PDB file of N, CA and C in Angstrom:
ATOM      1  N   UNK A   1     -10.757 -70.104   5.429  1.00  0.00           N
ATOM      2  CA  UNK A   1     -10.987 -68.561   5.417  1.00  0.00           C
ATOM      3  C   UNK A   1     -11.664 -67.911   4.199  1.00  0.00           C
ATOM      4  N   UNK A   2     -12.324 -67.357   4.254  1.00  0.00           N
ATOM      5  CA  UNK A   2     -13.516 -66.443   2.714  1.00  0.00           C
ATOM      6  C   UNK A   2     -13.089 -66.341   1.512  1.00  0.00           C
ATOM      7  N   UNK A   3     -12.792 -66.606   0.382  1.00  0.00           N
ATOM      8  CA  UNK A   3     -12.395 -65.943  -0.462  1.00  0.00           C
ATOM      9  C   UNK A   3     -13.321 -66.003  -1.599  1.00  0.00           C
ATOM     10  N   UNK A   4     -13.576 -65.187  -1.938  1.00  0.00           N
ATOM     11  CA  UNK A   4     -14.183 -65.111  -3.151  1.00  0.00           C
ATOM     12  C   UNK A   4     -14.626 -65.561  -4.126  1.00  0.00           C
ATOM     13  N   UNK A   5     -15.700 -66.144  -4.567  1.00  0.00           N
ATOM     14  CA  UNK A   5     -15.572 -66.868  -5.883  1.00  0.00           C
ATOM     15  C   UNK A   5     -15.333 -66.381  -7.342  1.00  0.00           C
ATOM     16  N   UNK A   6     -15.761 -64.908  -7.224  1.00  0.00           N
ATOM     17  CA  UNK A   6     -15.565 -64.869  -8.407  1.00  0.00           C
ATOM     18  C   UNK A   6     -15.082 -63.233  -8.385  1.00  0.00           C
ATOM     19  N   UNK A   7     -14.330 -62.576  -9.199  1.00  0.00           N
ATOM     20  CA  UNK A   7     -13.610 -61.776  -9.118  1.00  0.00           C
ATOM     21  C   UNK A   7     -14.994 -60.314  -9.304  1.00  0.00           C
ATOM     22  N   UNK A   8     -14.644 -59.275  -8.517  1.00  0.00           N
ATOM     23  CA  UNK A   8     -15.899 -58.571  -8.552  1.00  0.00           C
ATOM     24  C   UNK A   8     -15.314 -57.039  -9.151  1.00  0.00           C
ATOM     25  N   UNK A   9     -16.409 -57.065 -10.669  1.00  0.00           N
ATOM     26  CA  UNK A   9     -15.639 -55.737 -11.361  1.00  0.00           C
ATOM     27  C   UNK A   9     -15.376 -54.272 -10.879  1.00  0.00           C
ATOM     28  N   UNK A  10     -14.629 -53.399 -11.452  1.00  0.00           N
ATOM     29  CA  UNK A  10     -13.914 -51.839 -10.898  1.00  0.00           C
ATOM     30  C   UNK A  10     -15.571 -51.278 -10.649  1.00  0.00           C
ATOM     31  N   UNK A  11     -16.638 -51.515 -11.362  1.00  0.00           N
ATOM     32  CA  UNK A  11     -17.529 -50.523 -10.840  1.00  0.00           C
ATOM     33  C   UNK A  11     -18.833 -50.817 -10.432  1.00  0.00           C
ATOM     34  N   UNK A  12     -18.503 -52.257  -9.809  1.00  0.00           N
ATOM     35  CA  UNK A  12     -19.092 -52.793  -8.794  1.00  0.00           C
ATOM     36  C   UNK A  12     -18.724 -51.880  -7.632  1.00  0.00           C
ATOM     37  N   UNK A  13     -17.581 -52.134  -7.770  1.00  0.00           N
ATOM     38  CA  UNK A  13     -16.515 -51.836  -6.216  1.00  0.00           C
ATOM     39  C   UNK A  13     -16.645 -50.364  -6.098  1.00  0.00           C
ATOM     40  N   UNK A  14     -16.396 -49.481  -7.299  1.00  0.00           N
ATOM     41  CA  UNK A  14     -16.663 -48.295  -6.798  1.00  0.00           C
ATOM     42  C   UNK A  14     -17.926 -47.602  -6.607  1.00  0.00           C
ATOM     43  N   UNK A  15     -18.889 -48.267  -7.426  1.00  0.00           N
ATOM     44  CA  UNK A  15     -20.366 -47.343  -7.089  1.00  0.00           C
ATOM     45  C   UNK A  15     -20.598 -47.879  -5.840  1.00  0.00           C
ATOM     46  N   UNK A  16     -19.916 -49.181  -4.899  1.00  0.00           N
ATOM     47  CA  UNK A  16     -20.269 -49.364  -3.972  1.00  0.00           C
ATOM     48  C   UNK A  16     -19.544 -47.940  -2.554  1.00  0.00           C
ATOM     49  N   UNK A  17     -18.342 -47.091  -3.143  1.00  0.00           N
ATOM     50  CA  UNK A  17     -17.413 -46.541  -2.520  1.00  0.00           C
ATOM     51  C   UNK A  17     -18.370 -45.123  -2.631  1.00  0.00           C
ATOM     52  N   UNK A  18     -18.963 -45.206  -4.319  1.00  0.00           N
ATOM     53  CA  UNK A  18     -19.111 -43.431  -4.319  1.00  0.00           C
ATOM     54  C   UNK A  18     -20.510 -43.471  -3.691  1.00  0.00           C
ATOM     55  N   UNK A  19     -21.949 -44.547  -3.625  1.00  0.00           N
ATOM     56  CA  UNK A  19     -22.835 -43.600  -2.769  1.00  0.00           C
ATOM     57  C   UNK A  19     -22.536 -43.633  -0.800  1.00  0.00           C
ATOM     58  N   UNK A  20     -21.699 -43.769  -0.649  1.00  0.00           N
ATOM     59  CA  UNK A  20     -21.225 -42.537   0.216  1.00  0.00           C
ATOM     60  C   UNK A  20     -20.385 -41.134   0.467  1.00  0.00           C
ATOM     61  N   UNK A  21     -20.550 -41.275  -1.039  1.00  0.00           N
ATOM     62  CA  UNK A  21     -19.035 -40.124  -1.446  1.00  0.00           C
ATOM     63  C   UNK A  21     -20.003 -38.909  -1.263  1.00  0.00           C
ATOM     64  N   UNK A  22     -19.597 -37.671  -0.729  1.00  0.00           N
ATOM     65  CA  UNK A  22     -20.421 -36.325  -0.216  1.00  0.00           C
ATOM     66  C   UNK A  22     -19.395 -35.279  -0.208  1.00  0.00           C
ATOM     67  N   UNK A  23     -20.287 -34.444  -1.860  1.00  0.00           N
ATOM     68  CA  UNK A  23     -18.935 -33.363  -2.144  1.00  0.00           C
ATOM     69  C   UNK A  23     -19.990 -32.197  -1.178  1.00  0.00           C
ATOM     70  N   UNK A  24     -18.499 -31.959  -0.897  1.00  0.00           N
ATOM     71  CA  UNK A  24     -19.066 -30.348   0.714  1.00  0.00           C
ATOM     72  C   UNK A  24     -18.431 -29.586  -0.039  1.00  0.00           C
ATOM     73  N   UNK A  25     -18.673 -28.188   0.564  1.00  0.00           N
ATOM     74  CA  UNK A  25     -19.076 -26.422  -0.158  1.00  0.00           C
ATOM     75  C   UNK A  25     -17.452 -25.809   0.326  1.00  0.00           C
ATOM     76  N   UNK A  26     -17.466 -25.537  -0.980  1.00  0.00           N
ATOM     77  CA  UNK A  26     -16.398 -24.724  -0.861  1.00  0.00           C
ATOM     78  C   UNK A  26     -15.626 -23.195   0.371  1.00  0.00           C
ATOM     79  N   UNK A  27     -14.616 -23.619   0.764  1.00  0.00           N
ATOM     80  CA  UNK A  27     -15.024 -23.001   1.741  1.00  0.00           C
ATOM     81  C   UNK A  27     -13.913 -21.330   1.436  1.00  0.00           C
ATOM     82  N   UNK A  28     -15.444 -20.524   2.057  1.00  0.00           N
ATOM     83  CA  UNK A  28     -15.042 -19.205   0.735  1.00  0.00           C
ATOM     84  C   UNK A  28     -14.157 -18.430   2.290  1.00  0.00           C
ATOM     85  N   UNK A  29     -13.468 -17.646   1.772  1.00  0.00           N
ATOM     86  CA  UNK A  29     -13.358 -16.104   2.483  1.00  0.00           C
ATOM     87  C   UNK A  29     -13.713 -14.604   2.321  1.00  0.00           C
ATOM     88  N   UNK A  30     -13.401 -13.610   2.984  1.00  0.00           N
ATOM     89  CA  UNK A  30     -13.745 -11.979   2.371  1.00  0.00           C
ATOM     90  C   UNK A  30     -12.157 -12.038   1.614  1.00  0.00           C
ATOM     91  N   UNK A  31     -12.208 -11.471   0.845  1.00  0.00           N
ATOM     92  CA  UNK A  31     -11.257  -9.958   0.226  1.00  0.00           C
ATOM     93  C   UNK A  31     -10.924  -9.339   1.283  1.00  0.00           C
ATOM     94  N   UNK A  32      -9.966  -9.329   1.881  1.00  0.00           N
ATOM     95  CA  UNK A  32      -9.660  -8.257   2.555  1.00  0.00           C
ATOM     96  C   UNK A  32      -9.062  -6.671   1.092  1.00  0.00           C
ATOM     97  N   UNK A  33      -9.015  -6.570   0.440  1.00  0.00           N
ATOM     98  CA  UNK A  33      -9.591  -5.175  -0.460  1.00  0.00           C
ATOM     99  C   UNK A  33     -10.852  -5.028  -0.230  1.00  0.00           C
ATOM    100  N   UNK A  34     -11.535  -6.018  -0.724  1.00  0.00           N
ATOM    101  CA  UNK A  34     -13.349  -5.539  -1.620  1.00  0.00           C
ATOM    102  C   UNK A  34     -14.321  -6.032  -0.671  1.00  0.00           C
ATOM    103  N   UNK A  35     -13.911  -7.571   0.352  1.00  0.00           N
ATOM    104  CA  UNK A  35     -14.522  -7.390   0.842  1.00  0.00           C
ATOM    105  C   UNK A  35     -16.128  -8.952   0.903  1.00  0.00           C
ATOM    106  N   UNK A  36     -15.167  -8.961  -0.950  1.00  0.00           N
ATOM    107  CA  UNK A  36     -16.352 -10.292  -1.458  1.00  0.00           C
ATOM    108  C   UNK A  36     -16.091 -11.474  -1.011  1.00  0.00           C
ATOM    109  N   UNK A  37     -17.331 -12.392  -0.971  1.00  0.00           N
ATOM    110  CA  UNK A  37     -16.623 -13.226  -1.061  1.00  0.00           C
ATOM    111  C   UNK A  37     -15.791 -14.254  -1.973  1.00  0.00           C
ATOM    112  N   UNK A  38     -14.574 -14.453  -2.184  1.00  0.00           N
ATOM    113  CA  UNK A  38     -13.785 -16.008  -2.587  1.00  0.00           C
ATOM    114  C   UNK A  38     -13.437 -17.092  -2.291  1.00  0.00           C
ATOM    115  N   UNK A  39     -13.212 -18.153  -3.088  1.00  0.00           N
ATOM    116  CA  UNK A  39     -12.234 -18.912  -2.601  1.00  0.00           C
ATOM    117  C   UNK A  39     -10.882 -18.861  -2.536  1.00  0.00           C
ATOM    118  N   UNK A  40     -10.794 -19.114  -1.302  1.00  0.00           N
ATOM    119  CA  UNK A  40      -8.663 -18.672  -0.341  1.00  0.00           C
ATOM    120  C   UNK A  40      -8.027 -19.515  -1.492  1.00  0.00           C
ATOM    121  N   UNK A  41      -6.612 -18.789  -1.718  1.00  0.00           N
ATOM    122  CA  UNK A  41      -6.230 -18.872  -2.286  1.00  0.00           C
ATOM    123  C   UNK A  41      -6.272 -18.445  -3.763  1.00  0.00           C
ATOM    124  N   UNK A  42      -6.981 -18.141  -4.083  1.00  0.00           N
ATOM    125  CA  UNK A  42      -7.711 -17.361  -5.451  1.00  0.00           C
ATOM    126  C   UNK A  42      -7.587 -16.188  -5.402  1.00  0.00           C
ATOM    127  N   UNK A  43      -7.213 -15.936  -7.165  1.00  0.00           N
ATOM    128  CA  UNK A  43      -7.111 -13.947  -7.383  1.00  0.00           C
ATOM    129  C   UNK A  43      -9.237 -13.842  -7.060  1.00  0.00           C
ATOM    130  N   UNK A  44      -9.223 -12.853  -6.843  1.00  0.00           N
ATOM    131  CA  UNK A  44     -10.611 -12.101  -6.535  1.00  0.00           C
ATOM    132  C   UNK A  44     -10.451 -11.657  -7.996  1.00  0.00           C
ATOM    133  N   UNK A  45     -11.573 -12.345  -7.895  1.00  0.00           N
ATOM    134  CA  UNK A  45     -12.235 -12.127  -9.977  1.00  0.00           C
ATOM    135  C   UNK A  45     -13.364 -10.520  -9.735  1.00  0.00           C
ATOM    136  N   UNK A  46     -12.881  -9.818  -8.255  1.00  0.00           N
ATOM    137  CA  UNK A  46     -13.761  -8.482  -8.167  1.00  0.00           C
ATOM    138  C   UNK A  46     -13.183  -7.353  -8.926  1.00  0.00           C
ATOM    139  N   UNK A  47     -11.616  -7.485  -7.621  1.00  0.00           N
ATOM    140  CA  UNK A  47     -10.779  -6.351  -7.563  1.00  0.00           C
ATOM    141  C   UNK A  47      -9.411  -6.909  -8.440  1.00  0.00           C
ATOM    142  N   UNK A  48      -9.200  -8.599  -8.647  1.00  0.00           N
ATOM    143  CA  UNK A  48      -7.914  -8.882  -9.549  1.00  0.00           C
ATOM    144  C   UNK A  48      -6.908  -8.447  -7.969  1.00  0.00           C
ATOM    145  N   UNK A  49      -6.885  -8.723  -6.676  1.00  0.00           N
ATOM    146  CA  UNK A  49      -5.657  -8.967  -6.264  1.00  0.00           C
ATOM    147  C   UNK A  49      -5.633 -10.085  -5.392  1.00  0.00           C
ATOM    148  N   UNK A  50      -4.803 -10.764  -5.251  1.00  0.00           N
ATOM    149  CA  UNK A  50      -4.467 -11.654  -4.779  1.00  0.00           C
ATOM    150  C   UNK A  50      -2.800 -11.296  -3.726  1.00  0.00           C
ATOM    151  N   UNK A  51      -2.788 -11.444  -2.576  1.00  0.00           N
ATOM    152  CA  UNK A  51      -1.568 -11.359  -1.213  1.00  0.00           C
ATOM    153  C   UNK A  51      -1.038 -10.331  -1.083  1.00  0.00           C
ATOM    154  N   UNK A  52      -2.018  -8.827  -1.193  1.00  0.00           N
ATOM    155  CA  UNK A  52      -2.034  -8.148  -1.874  1.00  0.00           C
ATOM    156  C   UNK A  52      -1.017  -7.210  -2.252  1.00  0.00           C
ATOM    157  N   UNK A  53      -1.399  -8.016  -4.304  1.00  0.00           N
ATOM    158  CA  UNK A  53      -0.442  -7.604  -5.276  1.00  0.00           C
ATOM    159  C   UNK A  53      -1.375  -7.979  -6.527  1.00  0.00           C
ATOM    160  N   UNK A  54      -1.400  -7.197  -7.204  1.00  0.00           N
ATOM    161  CA  UNK A  54      -2.746  -6.721  -8.716  1.00  0.00           C
ATOM    162  C   UNK A  54      -2.206  -7.521  -9.594  1.00  0.00           C
ATOM    163  N   UNK A  55      -2.791  -8.709 -10.001  1.00  0.00           N
ATOM    164  CA  UNK A  55      -2.185  -9.775 -10.205  1.00  0.00           C
ATOM    165  C   UNK A  55      -3.187  -9.203 -11.870  1.00  0.00           C
ATOM    166  N   UNK A  56      -4.387  -9.023 -12.022  1.00  0.00           N
ATOM    167  CA  UNK A  56      -5.142  -8.796 -13.139  1.00  0.00           C
ATOM    168  C   UNK A  56      -4.963  -7.765 -13.208  1.00  0.00           C
ATOM    169  N   UNK A  57      -5.559  -6.316 -13.750  1.00  0.00           N
ATOM    170  CA  UNK A  57      -5.599  -5.251 -13.884  1.00  0.00           C
ATOM    171  C   UNK A  57      -7.315  -5.272 -14.646  1.00  0.00           C
ATOM    172  N   UNK A  58      -7.710  -4.599 -14.073  1.00  0.00           N
ATOM    173  CA  UNK A  58      -9.352  -3.983 -14.251  1.00  0.00           C
ATOM    174  C   UNK A  58      -9.606  -3.050 -14.735  1.00  0.00           C
ATOM    175  N   UNK A  59     -10.253  -2.876 -15.619  1.00  0.00           N
ATOM    176  CA  UNK A  59     -10.467  -1.680 -16.667  1.00  0.00           C
ATOM    177  C   UNK A  59     -11.439  -0.848 -15.457  1.00  0.00           C
ATOM    178  N   UNK A  60     -11.337   0.556 -15.507  1.00  0.00           N
ATOM    179  CA  UNK A  60     -11.818   1.351 -14.592  1.00  0.00           C
ATOM    180  C   UNK A  60     -13.774   1.989 -15.610  1.00  0.00           C
ATOM    181  N   UNK A  61     -14.760   2.014 -14.734  1.00  0.00           N
ATOM    182  CA  UNK A  61     -16.116   2.378 -15.099  1.00  0.00           C
ATOM    183  C   UNK A  61     -15.620   3.588 -15.187  1.00  0.00           C
ATOM    184  N   UNK A  62     -16.303   4.334 -16.630  1.00  0.00           N
ATOM    185  CA  UNK A  62     -16.532   5.879 -16.579  1.00  0.00           C
ATOM    186  C   UNK A  62     -17.675   5.952 -15.435  1.00  0.00           C
TER     187      UNK A  62
END
């Protein structure tokens, strides 16, 4: 049975794993209120609504 002669360091094994890691694009959905693209399950930064409720009051522009 094959046994490693020396210990493999954490950085060596982590770098081998990191070589195949790829960050995916975030899933974007349309805000049901203002139709802007936002991350899912987040408060809309444009209108301040989440799940039909006003979470962050926005200042009205004059």
